[in-house]
Amino acid sequence: MANFLYVDNSNVWIEGMHVAAVANGLAPNIWVAQEQRITERWKIDFGKLFQFAGGDRSEIGRAVLYGSRPPPNDSLWGAAKAKGFEVVVYDRNVAGREKKIDTSIATDIVADSYERMKPDRDEVTLVAGDTDYVPTVQQLRKRGFKFYVVFWEHASRELREACTQFTSLDQYLQHLSL
């Protein structure tokens, strides 16, 4: 059995900064932190995330981290690669907004489910919290895959209900910190 791990870096990092703000008393709850854009400086340890969400390296079928191209002096993607992630990076659009990430993750999950995985043997873990992933989760579940979602407690209710099992990262904030 292999675990196929897909991580939306910006999604887990930005929401992790909101969770950190609440944990450190800068916002009364996650909804205020999001609405008022209250964040606490927080960095994720990719090795700990890899192990926490993916399991033992020998059990990983594929581990992919998706995100936007950082400045040339940023060491983020190198650190992720060193910890075992394949990295997929896209340029931001002309307005500076992140594009292609969610659709790339969903497309890769579906393609991998036909090309690399077996429903009775392998499982999928998604580290993201968007409702955009619900159709992908539902399709793979129909085909017999176990589909796990690992994200902050405030992940989409619909996504949480669609997956096989949801694991909240909130209680592991400090453990996953760099």
C-alpha atoms as a PDB file:
ATOM      1  CA  MET A   1       0.000   0.000   0.000  1.00  0.00           C
ATOM      2  CA  ALA A   2       1.263   3.473  -0.879  1.00  0.00           C
ATOM      3  CA  ASN A   3       0.137   6.924   0.172  1.00  0.00           C
ATOM      4  CA  PHE A   4      -0.010   9.620  -2.497  1.00  0.00           C
ATOM      5  CA  LEU A   5       0.412  13.022  -0.836  1.00  0.00           C
ATOM      6  CA  TYR A   6      -0.611  16.348  -2.416  1.00  0.00           C
ATOM      7  CA  VAL A   7      -0.008  19.660  -0.612  1.00  0.00           C
ATOM      8  CA  ASP A   8      -1.289  23.139  -1.489  1.00  0.00           C
ATOM      9  CA  ASN A   9       1.575  25.121   0.051  1.00  0.00           C
ATOM     10  CA  SER A  10      -0.029  28.568   0.012  1.00  0.00           C
ATOM     11  CA  ASN A  11      -3.292  27.248   1.389  1.00  0.00           C
ATOM     12  CA  VAL A  12      -1.703  25.430   4.339  1.00  0.00           C
ATOM     13  CA  TRP A  13       0.802  28.235   5.031  1.00  0.00           C
ATOM     14  CA  ILE A  14      -1.581  31.221   4.847  1.00  0.00           C
ATOM     15  CA  GLU A  15      -4.240  29.489   6.907  1.00  0.00           C
ATOM     16  CA  GLY A  16      -1.536  28.322   9.326  1.00  0.00           C
ATOM     17  CA  MET A  17      -0.613  31.966   9.917  1.00  0.00           C
ATOM     18  CA  HIS A  18      -4.274  32.677  10.783  1.00  0.00           C
ATOM     19  CA  VAL A  19      -4.364  29.676  13.138  1.00  0.00           C
ATOM     20  CA  ALA A  20      -1.116  30.882  14.748  1.00  0.00           C
ATOM     21  CA  ALA A  21      -2.644  34.353  15.218  1.00  0.00           C
ATOM     22  CA  VAL A  22      -5.588  32.854  17.093  1.00  0.00           C
ATOM     23  CA  ALA A  23      -3.322  30.540  19.118  1.00  0.00           C
ATOM     24  CA  ASN A  24      -1.195  33.539  20.159  1.00  0.00           C
ATOM     25  CA  GLY A  25      -4.166  35.716  21.118  1.00  0.00           C
ATOM     26  CA  LEU A  26      -3.944  38.174  18.223  1.00  0.00           C
ATOM     27  CA  ALA A  27      -7.480  37.300  17.076  1.00  0.00           C
ATOM     28  CA  PRO A  28     -10.435  35.918  19.058  1.00  0.00           C
ATOM     29  CA  ASN A  29     -11.210  33.225  16.472  1.00  0.00           C
ATOM     30  CA  ILE A  30     -10.278  32.011  13.006  1.00  0.00           C
ATOM     31  CA  TRP A  31     -13.133  33.856  11.290  1.00  0.00           C
ATOM     32  CA  VAL A  32     -12.003  37.244  12.646  1.00  0.00           C
ATOM     33  CA  ALA A  33      -8.382  36.401  11.766  1.00  0.00           C
ATOM     34  CA  GLN A  34      -9.377  35.648   8.178  1.00  0.00           C
ATOM     35  CA  GLU A  35     -11.783  38.553   7.761  1.00  0.00           C
ATOM     36  CA  GLN A  36      -9.390  41.123   9.223  1.00  0.00           C
ATOM     37  CA  ARG A  37      -6.299  39.461   7.716  1.00  0.00           C
ATOM     38  CA  ILE A  38      -4.689  38.977  11.104  1.00  0.00           C
ATOM     39  CA  THR A  39      -1.693  36.681  10.894  1.00  0.00           C
ATOM     40  CA  GLU A  40       1.208  35.585  13.034  1.00  0.00           C
ATOM     41  CA  ARG A  41       4.570  34.906  11.441  1.00  0.00           C
ATOM     42  CA  TRP A  42       4.700  31.125  11.034  1.00  0.00           C
ATOM     43  CA  LYS A  43       6.753  28.753   8.903  1.00  0.00           C
ATOM     44  CA  ILE A  44       6.068  25.116   8.273  1.00  0.00           C
ATOM     45  CA  ASP A  45       8.649  22.359   8.678  1.00  0.00           C
ATOM     46  CA  PHE A  46       8.294  20.355   5.450  1.00  0.00           C
ATOM     47  CA  GLY A  47       9.963  17.291   6.908  1.00  0.00           C
ATOM     48  CA  LYS A  48       7.479  17.152   9.763  1.00  0.00           C
ATOM     49  CA  LEU A  49       4.553  17.761   7.388  1.00  0.00           C
ATOM     50  CA  PHE A  50       5.837  15.041   5.054  1.00  0.00           C
ATOM     51  CA  GLN A  51       6.046  12.552   7.920  1.00  0.00           C
ATOM     52  CA  PHE A  52       2.809  13.648   9.590  1.00  0.00           C
ATOM     53  CA  ALA A  53       0.604  13.627   6.494  1.00  0.00           C
ATOM     54  CA  GLY A  54       2.435  11.073   4.362  1.00  0.00           C
ATOM     55  CA  GLY A  55       3.811   8.543   6.788  1.00  0.00           C
ATOM     56  CA  ASP A  56       7.011   6.576   6.438  1.00  0.00           C
ATOM     57  CA  ARG A  57       9.003   7.397   3.279  1.00  0.00           C
ATOM     58  CA  SER A  58       8.878   3.757   2.160  1.00  0.00           C
ATOM     59  CA  GLU A  59       5.086   4.017   2.069  1.00  0.00           C
ATOM     60  CA  ILE A  60       4.967   7.139  -0.146  1.00  0.00           C
ATOM     61  CA  GLY A  61       3.922   6.613  -3.758  1.00  0.00           C
ATOM     62  CA  ARG A  62       4.335  10.290  -4.569  1.00  0.00           C
ATOM     63  CA  ALA A  63       4.600  13.494  -2.504  1.00  0.00           C
ATOM     64  CA  VAL A  64       3.993  16.766  -4.326  1.00  0.00           C
ATOM     65  CA  LEU A  65       4.056  20.343  -3.039  1.00  0.00           C
ATOM     66  CA  TYR A  66       2.356  22.971  -5.216  1.00  0.00           C
ATOM     67  CA  GLY A  67       2.733  26.737  -5.091  1.00  0.00           C
ATOM     68  CA  SER A  68       3.694  30.018  -6.697  1.00  0.00           C
ATOM     69  CA  ARG A  69       7.162  30.978  -7.813  1.00  0.00           C
ATOM     70  CA  PRO A  70       9.005  32.692  -4.946  1.00  0.00           C
ATOM     71  CA  PRO A  71      11.656  35.396  -5.307  1.00  0.00           C
ATOM     72  CA  PRO A  72      15.043  34.087  -6.552  1.00  0.00           C
ATOM     73  CA  ASN A  73      16.633  34.307  -3.080  1.00  0.00           C
ATOM     74  CA  ASP A  74      13.866  32.254  -1.396  1.00  0.00           C
ATOM     75  CA  SER A  75      14.978  28.822  -0.155  1.00  0.00           C
ATOM     76  CA  LEU A  76      11.438  27.455   0.372  1.00  0.00           C
ATOM     77  CA  TRP A  77      11.312  25.062  -2.564  1.00  0.00           C
ATOM     78  CA  GLY A  78      14.838  23.784  -1.997  1.00  0.00           C
ATOM     79  CA  ALA A  79      13.923  22.954   1.591  1.00  0.00           C
ATOM     80  CA  ALA A  80      10.783  21.142   0.441  1.00  0.00           C
ATOM     81  CA  LYS A  81      12.741  19.099  -2.118  1.00  0.00           C
ATOM     82  CA  ALA A  82      15.345  18.195   0.519  1.00  0.00           C
ATOM     83  CA  LYS A  83      12.554  16.818   2.714  1.00  0.00           C
ATOM     84  CA  GLY A  84      11.218  14.543  -0.026  1.00  0.00           C
ATOM     85  CA  PHE A  85       8.686  16.595  -1.936  1.00  0.00           C
ATOM     86  CA  GLU A  86       8.442  16.890  -5.683  1.00  0.00           C
ATOM     87  CA  VAL A  87       7.810  20.600  -6.289  1.00  0.00           C
ATOM     88  CA  VAL A  88       5.393  22.085  -8.832  1.00  0.00           C
ATOM     89  CA  VAL A  89       5.635  25.859  -9.180  1.00  0.00           C
ATOM     90  CA  TYR A  90       3.551  28.281 -11.237  1.00  0.00           C
ATOM     91  CA  ASP A  91       4.038  31.970 -11.982  1.00  0.00           C
ATOM     92  CA  ARG A  92       1.470  34.367 -10.573  1.00  0.00           C
ATOM     93  CA  ASN A  93      -0.824  36.165 -13.025  1.00  0.00           C
ATOM     94  CA  VAL A  94      -0.356  39.827 -14.020  1.00  0.00           C
ATOM     95  CA  ALA A  95      -2.409  40.924 -11.005  1.00  0.00           C
ATOM     96  CA  GLY A  96      -0.066  39.001  -8.697  1.00  0.00           C
ATOM     97  CA  ARG A  97      -2.648  36.344  -7.863  1.00  0.00           C
ATOM     98  CA  GLU A  98      -1.935  32.664  -7.561  1.00  0.00           C
ATOM     99  CA  LYS A  99      -3.436  30.623 -10.378  1.00  0.00           C
ATOM    100  CA  LYS A 100      -3.428  27.001 -11.579  1.00  0.00           C
ATOM    101  CA  ILE A 101      -2.659  25.463  -8.175  1.00  0.00           C
ATOM    102  CA  ASP A 102      -6.019  23.886  -7.255  1.00  0.00           C
ATOM    103  CA  THR A 103      -6.711  22.660 -10.790  1.00  0.00           C
ATOM    104  CA  SER A 104      -3.188  21.261 -11.096  1.00  0.00           C
ATOM    105  CA  ILE A 105      -3.556  19.349  -7.829  1.00  0.00           C
ATOM    106  CA  ALA A 106      -6.973  17.973  -8.804  1.00  0.00           C
ATOM    107  CA  THR A 107      -5.735  17.039 -12.283  1.00  0.00           C
ATOM    108  CA  ASP A 108      -2.642  15.286 -10.922  1.00  0.00           C
ATOM    109  CA  ILE A 109      -4.669  13.339  -8.366  1.00  0.00           C
ATOM    110  CA  VAL A 110      -7.056  12.071 -11.037  1.00  0.00           C
ATOM    111  CA  ALA A 111      -4.242  11.278 -13.511  1.00  0.00           C
ATOM    112  CA  ASP A 112      -2.234   9.487 -10.824  1.00  0.00           C
ATOM    113  CA  SER A 113      -5.314   7.509  -9.790  1.00  0.00           C
ATOM    114  CA  TYR A 114      -5.358   5.950 -13.271  1.00  0.00           C
ATOM    115  CA  GLU A 115      -1.635   5.843 -14.032  1.00  0.00           C
ATOM    116  CA  ARG A 116       0.075   5.113 -10.682  1.00  0.00           C
ATOM    117  CA  MET A 117      -2.480   3.964  -8.098  1.00  0.00           C
ATOM    118  CA  LYS A 118      -4.705   0.981  -7.418  1.00  0.00           C
ATOM    119  CA  PRO A 119      -8.014   1.590  -5.563  1.00  0.00           C
ATOM    120  CA  ASP A 120      -7.783  -1.558  -3.437  1.00  0.00           C
ATOM    121  CA  ARG A 121      -4.186  -0.870  -2.456  1.00  0.00           C
ATOM    122  CA  ASP A 122      -3.308   2.823  -2.408  1.00  0.00           C
ATOM    123  CA  GLU A 123      -4.638   5.871  -0.611  1.00  0.00           C
ATOM    124  CA  VAL A 124      -4.628   9.613  -1.207  1.00  0.00           C
ATOM    125  CA  THR A 125      -3.865  12.382   1.290  1.00  0.00           C
ATOM    126  CA  LEU A 126      -4.657  15.990   0.461  1.00  0.00           C
ATOM    127  CA  VAL A 127      -3.302  18.851   2.548  1.00  0.00           C
ATOM    128  CA  ALA A 128      -5.705  21.621   1.558  1.00  0.00           C
ATOM    129  CA  GLY A 129      -9.091  22.828   2.724  1.00  0.00           C
ATOM    130  CA  ASP A 130     -10.929  24.203  -0.316  1.00  0.00           C
ATOM    131  CA  THR A 131     -14.339  23.120  -1.511  1.00  0.00           C
ATOM    132  CA  ASP A 132     -12.809  23.066  -5.014  1.00  0.00           C
ATOM    133  CA  TYR A 133     -11.472  19.582  -4.286  1.00  0.00           C
ATOM    134  CA  VAL A 134     -14.838  18.007  -3.427  1.00  0.00           C
ATOM    135  CA  PRO A 135     -15.585  16.639  -6.938  1.00  0.00           C
ATOM    136  CA  THR A 136     -12.137  15.001  -7.094  1.00  0.00           C
ATOM    137  CA  VAL A 137     -12.581  13.442  -3.661  1.00  0.00           C
ATOM    138  CA  GLN A 138     -16.050  12.179  -4.554  1.00  0.00           C
ATOM    139  CA  GLN A 139     -14.868  10.610  -7.830  1.00  0.00           C
ATOM    140  CA  LEU A 140     -11.972   8.777  -6.220  1.00  0.00           C
ATOM    141  CA  ARG A 141     -14.140   7.592  -3.341  1.00  0.00           C
ATOM    142  CA  LYS A 142     -16.642   6.174  -5.878  1.00  0.00           C
ATOM    143  CA  ARG A 143     -13.774   4.222  -7.416  1.00  0.00           C
ATOM    144  CA  GLY A 144     -12.880   2.726  -4.026  1.00  0.00           C
ATOM    145  CA  PHE A 145      -9.964   4.889  -2.921  1.00  0.00           C
ATOM    146  CA  LYS A 146      -9.428   5.916   0.676  1.00  0.00           C
ATOM    147  CA  PHE A 147      -9.090   9.696   0.549  1.00  0.00           C
ATOM    148  CA  TYR A 148      -7.765  11.545   3.578  1.00  0.00           C
ATOM    149  CA  VAL A 149      -7.803  15.293   4.119  1.00  0.00           C
ATOM    150  CA  VAL A 150      -5.333  16.878   6.535  1.00  0.00           C
ATOM    151  CA  PHE A 151      -5.865  20.566   7.150  1.00  0.00           C
ATOM    152  CA  TRP A 152      -6.712  23.214   9.706  1.00  0.00           C
ATOM    153  CA  GLU A 153      -9.920  22.768  11.680  1.00  0.00           C
ATOM    154  CA  HIS A 154     -11.764  25.377   9.596  1.00  0.00           C
ATOM    155  CA  ALA A 155     -11.481  23.363   6.363  1.00  0.00           C
ATOM    156  CA  SER A 156     -14.560  23.308   4.174  1.00  0.00           C
ATOM    157  CA  ARG A 157     -17.388  21.337   5.795  1.00  0.00           C
ATOM    158  CA  GLU A 158     -18.262  19.833   2.422  1.00  0.00           C
ATOM    159  CA  LEU A 159     -14.687  18.623   1.884  1.00  0.00           C
ATOM    160  CA  ARG A 160     -14.552  17.160   5.389  1.00  0.00           C
ATOM    161  CA  GLU A 161     -17.756  15.231   4.721  1.00  0.00           C
ATOM    162  CA  ALA A 162     -16.624  13.974   1.301  1.00  0.00           C
ATOM    163  CA  CYS A 163     -13.352  12.397   2.445  1.00  0.00           C
ATOM    164  CA  THR A 164     -12.751   9.079   4.174  1.00  0.00           C
ATOM    165  CA  GLN A 165     -11.219  10.787   7.201  1.00  0.00           C
ATOM    166  CA  PHE A 166     -10.348  14.340   8.189  1.00  0.00           C
ATOM    167  CA  THR A 167      -7.417  15.191  10.466  1.00  0.00           C
ATOM    168  CA  SER A 168      -7.142  18.678  11.931  1.00  0.00           C
ATOM    169  CA  LEU A 169      -3.697  20.267  12.057  1.00  0.00           C
ATOM    170  CA  ASP A 170      -4.678  22.817  14.729  1.00  0.00           C
ATOM    171  CA  GLN A 171      -3.404  20.792  17.668  1.00  0.00           C
ATOM    172  CA  TYR A 172      -0.120  20.174  15.815  1.00  0.00           C
ATOM    173  CA  LEU A 173       0.646  23.846  15.056  1.00  0.00           C
ATOM    174  CA  GLN A 174       3.774  23.927  17.221  1.00  0.00           C
ATOM    175  CA  HIS A 175       4.912  20.466  16.142  1.00  0.00           C
ATOM    176  CA  LEU A 176       4.752  21.493  12.465  1.00  0.00           C
ATOM    177  CA  SER A 177       6.527  24.810  13.037  1.00  0.00           C
ATOM    178  CA  LEU A 178      10.009  25.425  11.709  1.00  0.00           C
END
